[in-house]
C-alpha atoms as a PDB file:
ATOM      1  CA  GLN A   1      93.935  70.296 -83.554  1.00  0.00           C
ATOM      2  CA  VAL A   2      94.059  68.285 -80.148  1.00  0.00           C
ATOM      3  CA  GLN A   3      92.234  66.031 -79.032  1.00  0.00           C
ATOM      4  CA  LEU A   4      92.599  64.026 -75.844  1.00  0.00           C
ATOM      5  CA  VAL A   5      89.855  60.816 -75.064  1.00  0.00           C
ATOM      6  CA  GLU A   6      89.368  59.455 -71.579  1.00  0.00           C
ATOM      7  CA  SER A   7      87.939  56.641 -71.285  1.00  0.00           C
ATOM      8  CA  GLY A   8      88.178  52.908 -68.771  1.00  0.00           C
ATOM      9  CA  GLY A   9      85.724  54.606 -66.048  1.00  0.00           C
ATOM     10  CA  GLY A  10      82.833  53.091 -63.896  1.00  0.00           C
ATOM     11  CA  SER A  11      81.836  52.019 -60.020  1.00  0.00           C
ATOM     12  CA  VAL A  12      83.891  50.013 -58.056  1.00  0.00           C
ATOM     13  CA  GLN A  13      84.076  48.855 -54.916  1.00  0.00           C
ATOM     14  CA  PRO A  14      87.242  49.967 -52.118  1.00  0.00           C
ATOM     15  CA  GLY A  15      89.382  47.856 -52.368  1.00  0.00           C
ATOM     16  CA  GLY A  16      89.517  47.117 -56.804  1.00  0.00           C
ATOM     17  CA  SER A  17      91.367  48.409 -59.575  1.00  0.00           C
ATOM     18  CA  LEU A  18      90.480  50.052 -62.810  1.00  0.00           C
ATOM     19  CA  ARG A  19      92.609  51.673 -66.009  1.00  0.00           C
ATOM     20  CA  LEU A  20      91.710  55.154 -67.113  1.00  0.00           C
ATOM     21  CA  SER A  21      92.904  55.191 -70.666  1.00  0.00           C
ATOM     22  CA  CYS A  22      93.191  58.254 -73.046  1.00  0.00           C
ATOM     23  CA  ALA A  23      93.909  58.647 -76.474  1.00  0.00           C
ATOM     24  CA  ALA A  24      95.708  61.567 -78.073  1.00  0.00           C
ATOM     25  CA  SER A  25      95.384  62.804 -81.613  1.00  0.00           C
ATOM     26  CA  GLY A  26      95.623  66.211 -83.606  1.00  0.00           C
ATOM     27  CA  TYR A  27      99.698  66.381 -82.115  1.00  0.00           C
ATOM     28  CA  ARG A  28     102.893  65.485 -81.999  1.00  0.00           C
ATOM     29  CA  TYR A  29     103.168  62.879 -78.953  1.00  0.00           C
ATOM     30  CA  SER A  30     106.294  62.892 -78.257  1.00  0.00           C
ATOM     31  CA  GLY A  31     108.169  64.948 -75.966  1.00  0.00           C
ATOM     32  CA  ASN A  32     104.973  66.719 -73.960  1.00  0.00           C
ATOM     33  CA  CYS A  33     104.198  66.807 -70.845  1.00  0.00           C
ATOM     34  CA  MET A  34     100.056  64.376 -69.871  1.00  0.00           C
ATOM     35  CA  GLY A  35      98.416  64.603 -66.899  1.00  0.00           C
ATOM     36  CA  TRP A  36      95.676  62.800 -65.063  1.00  0.00           C
ATOM     37  CA  PHE A  37      93.930  65.365 -63.534  1.00  0.00           C
ATOM     38  CA  ARG A  38      90.710  64.642 -60.793  1.00  0.00           C
ATOM     39  CA  GLN A  39      88.146  66.923 -59.529  1.00  0.00           C
ATOM     40  CA  THR A  40      84.835  66.640 -57.568  1.00  0.00           C
ATOM     41  CA  PRO A  41      82.446  68.711 -57.151  1.00  0.00           C
ATOM     42  CA  GLY A  42      82.969  72.091 -55.264  1.00  0.00           C
ATOM     43  CA  LYS A  43      86.753  71.762 -55.816  1.00  0.00           C
ATOM     44  CA  GLU A  44      89.448  72.058 -57.420  1.00  0.00           C
ATOM     45  CA  ARG A  45      90.525  70.710 -59.859  1.00  0.00           C
ATOM     46  CA  GLU A  46      93.426  68.200 -58.489  1.00  0.00           C
ATOM     47  CA  GLY A  47      96.541  66.201 -60.488  1.00  0.00           C
ATOM     48  CA  VAL A  48      96.722  62.843 -58.975  1.00  0.00           C
ATOM     49  CA  ALA A  49      99.811  62.386 -61.530  1.00  0.00           C
ATOM     50  CA  VAL A  50     101.883  63.590 -64.892  1.00  0.00           C
ATOM     51  CA  ILE A  51     104.382  61.758 -67.044  1.00  0.00           C
ATOM     52  CA  SER A  52     106.658  62.859 -70.078  1.00  0.00           C
ATOM     53  CA  THR A  53     106.031  61.448 -72.714  1.00  0.00           C
ATOM     54  CA  GLY A  54     109.101  59.114 -74.101  1.00  0.00           C
ATOM     55  CA  GLY A  55     109.462  57.995 -70.079  1.00  0.00           C
ATOM     56  CA  LEU A  56     111.649  61.014 -69.092  1.00  0.00           C
ATOM     57  CA  SER A  57     109.807  61.428 -65.675  1.00  0.00           C
ATOM     58  CA  THR A  58     106.653  61.483 -63.612  1.00  0.00           C
ATOM     59  CA  TYR A  59     105.243  62.916 -61.057  1.00  0.00           C
ATOM     60  CA  TYR A  60     103.132  62.002 -58.402  1.00  0.00           C
ATOM     61  CA  ALA A  61      99.846  63.208 -55.603  1.00  0.00           C
ATOM     62  CA  ASP A  62     101.179  61.998 -52.714  1.00  0.00           C
ATOM     63  CA  SER A  63      97.532  61.095 -51.454  1.00  0.00           C
ATOM     64  CA  VAL A  64      98.084  58.456 -54.719  1.00  0.00           C
ATOM     65  CA  LYS A  65     101.602  57.534 -54.911  1.00  0.00           C
ATOM     66  CA  GLY A  66     102.076  53.701 -54.425  1.00  0.00           C
ATOM     67  CA  ARG A  67      98.953  52.640 -55.984  1.00  0.00           C
ATOM     68  CA  PHE A  68      98.435  54.718 -58.943  1.00  0.00           C
ATOM     69  CA  THR A  69     101.418  54.223 -62.443  1.00  0.00           C
ATOM     70  CA  ILE A  70     100.944  56.631 -65.352  1.00  0.00           C
ATOM     71  CA  SER A  71     101.924  54.730 -68.345  1.00  0.00           C
ATOM     72  CA  GLN A  72     101.723  55.053 -71.877  1.00  0.00           C
ATOM     73  CA  ASP A  73     102.295  53.060 -75.951  1.00  0.00           C
ATOM     74  CA  ASN A  74     103.939  55.619 -77.500  1.00  0.00           C
ATOM     75  CA  ALA A  75     103.118  53.701 -80.109  1.00  0.00           C
ATOM     76  CA  LYS A  76      98.803  54.379 -80.565  1.00  0.00           C
ATOM     77  CA  ASN A  77      99.451  57.673 -78.634  1.00  0.00           C
ATOM     78  CA  THR A  78      97.833  56.235 -75.257  1.00  0.00           C
ATOM     79  CA  LEU A  79      98.270  57.241 -71.936  1.00  0.00           C
ATOM     80  CA  TYR A  80      97.248  55.405 -68.686  1.00  0.00           C
ATOM     81  CA  LEU A  81      96.348  55.411 -65.484  1.00  0.00           C
ATOM     82  CA  GLN A  82      96.099  52.292 -63.288  1.00  0.00           C
ATOM     83  CA  MET A  83      94.983  52.341 -59.847  1.00  0.00           C
ATOM     84  CA  ASN A  84      94.641  50.042 -57.891  1.00  0.00           C
ATOM     85  CA  SER A  85      93.892  49.691 -53.460  1.00  0.00           C
ATOM     86  CA  LEU A  86      91.070  52.048 -54.524  1.00  0.00           C
ATOM     87  CA  LYS A  87      89.572  54.111 -51.657  1.00  0.00           C
ATOM     88  CA  PRO A  88      85.831  55.907 -51.528  1.00  0.00           C
ATOM     89  CA  GLU A  89      88.472  59.361 -51.502  1.00  0.00           C
ATOM     90  CA  ASP A  90      88.962  58.561 -55.182  1.00  0.00           C
ATOM     91  CA  THR A  91      85.669  58.821 -56.566  1.00  0.00           C
ATOM     92  CA  ALA A  92      85.838  62.287 -58.960  1.00  0.00           C
ATOM     93  CA  MET A  93      85.685  63.313 -62.952  1.00  0.00           C
ATOM     94  CA  TYR A  94      89.209  62.148 -63.953  1.00  0.00           C
ATOM     95  CA  TYR A  95      90.439  63.635 -66.692  1.00  0.00           C
ATOM     96  CA  CYS A  96      93.206  63.787 -69.223  1.00  0.00           C
ATOM     97  CA  ALA A  97      95.582  66.695 -70.309  1.00  0.00           C
ATOM     98  CA  ALA A  98      98.306  67.342 -72.373  1.00  0.00           C
ATOM     99  CA  ARG A  99     101.143  70.477 -72.383  1.00  0.00           C
ATOM    100  CA  THR A 100     102.829  70.713 -75.485  1.00  0.00           C
ATOM    101  CA  ASN A 101     106.588  70.712 -76.789  1.00  0.00           C
ATOM    102  CA  SER A 102     107.377  70.561 -72.791  1.00  0.00           C
ATOM    103  CA  TYR A 103     108.880  68.440 -70.451  1.00  0.00           C
ATOM    104  CA  CYS A 104     106.939  67.531 -67.146  1.00  0.00           C
ATOM    105  CA  THR A 105     107.815  69.001 -63.388  1.00  0.00           C
ATOM    106  CA  TYR A 106     106.382  68.475 -59.914  1.00  0.00           C
ATOM    107  CA  ASN A 107     104.390  71.962 -60.458  1.00  0.00           C
ATOM    108  CA  PHE A 108     102.575  71.182 -63.171  1.00  0.00           C
ATOM    109  CA  LEU A 109     100.784  68.875 -60.933  1.00  0.00           C
ATOM    110  CA  LEU A 110      99.576  72.209 -58.547  1.00  0.00           C
ATOM    111  CA  TYR A 111      98.733  74.503 -61.379  1.00  0.00           C
ATOM    112  CA  PRO A 112      96.884  72.677 -63.603  1.00  0.00           C
ATOM    113  CA  ALA A 113      96.478  75.544 -66.260  1.00  0.00           C
ATOM    114  CA  VAL A 114      99.343  74.494 -67.456  1.00  0.00           C
ATOM    115  CA  PHE A 115      97.587  72.151 -69.455  1.00  0.00           C
ATOM    116  CA  SER A 116      96.387  73.841 -72.390  1.00  0.00           C
ATOM    117  CA  SER A 117      94.619  70.394 -73.646  1.00  0.00           C
ATOM    118  CA  TRP A 118      91.830  68.501 -71.850  1.00  0.00           C
ATOM    119  CA  GLY A 119      89.453  65.598 -72.655  1.00  0.00           C
ATOM    120  CA  GLN A 120      85.486  65.994 -71.539  1.00  0.00           C
ATOM    121  CA  GLY A 121      86.512  63.318 -68.115  1.00  0.00           C
ATOM    122  CA  THR A 122      85.401  59.768 -67.028  1.00  0.00           C
ATOM    123  CA  GLN A 123      84.072  59.082 -63.585  1.00  0.00           C
ATOM    124  CA  VAL A 124      85.483  56.659 -61.020  1.00  0.00           C
ATOM    125  CA  THR A 125      83.717  55.874 -58.186  1.00  0.00           C
ATOM    126  CA  VAL A 126      84.403  53.558 -54.803  1.00  0.00           C
ATOM    127  CA  SER A 127      81.979  52.906 -52.600  1.00  0.00           C
ATOM    128  CA  SER A 128      80.906  49.503 -51.234  1.00  0.00           C
END
């Protein structure tokens, strides 16, 4: 059974940084697509970044490109999202997701339903 546990959320001022972590267990970590999504109340879940485990490809939403970096530590089965130059509009619940036995494509950012496993989420608030 796939388990994903996020951590690292919190409150930060505009321009600040946070690093989110997602610890994965219950499946073979390599050869999959993992990603970060975010959601605010009343809105649909939005793709932030995805990465093929093994680092073959990464894709970012235009709104975070150049500010956020998705990465992984295969030895620790952990996914990261480094968020720099945070803006108030980045405020959201951030979720880690996994789609096993599949490498990522850009379209996976647009269709969160293709991901079969989700974490419980971690809140990020950007406010002065």
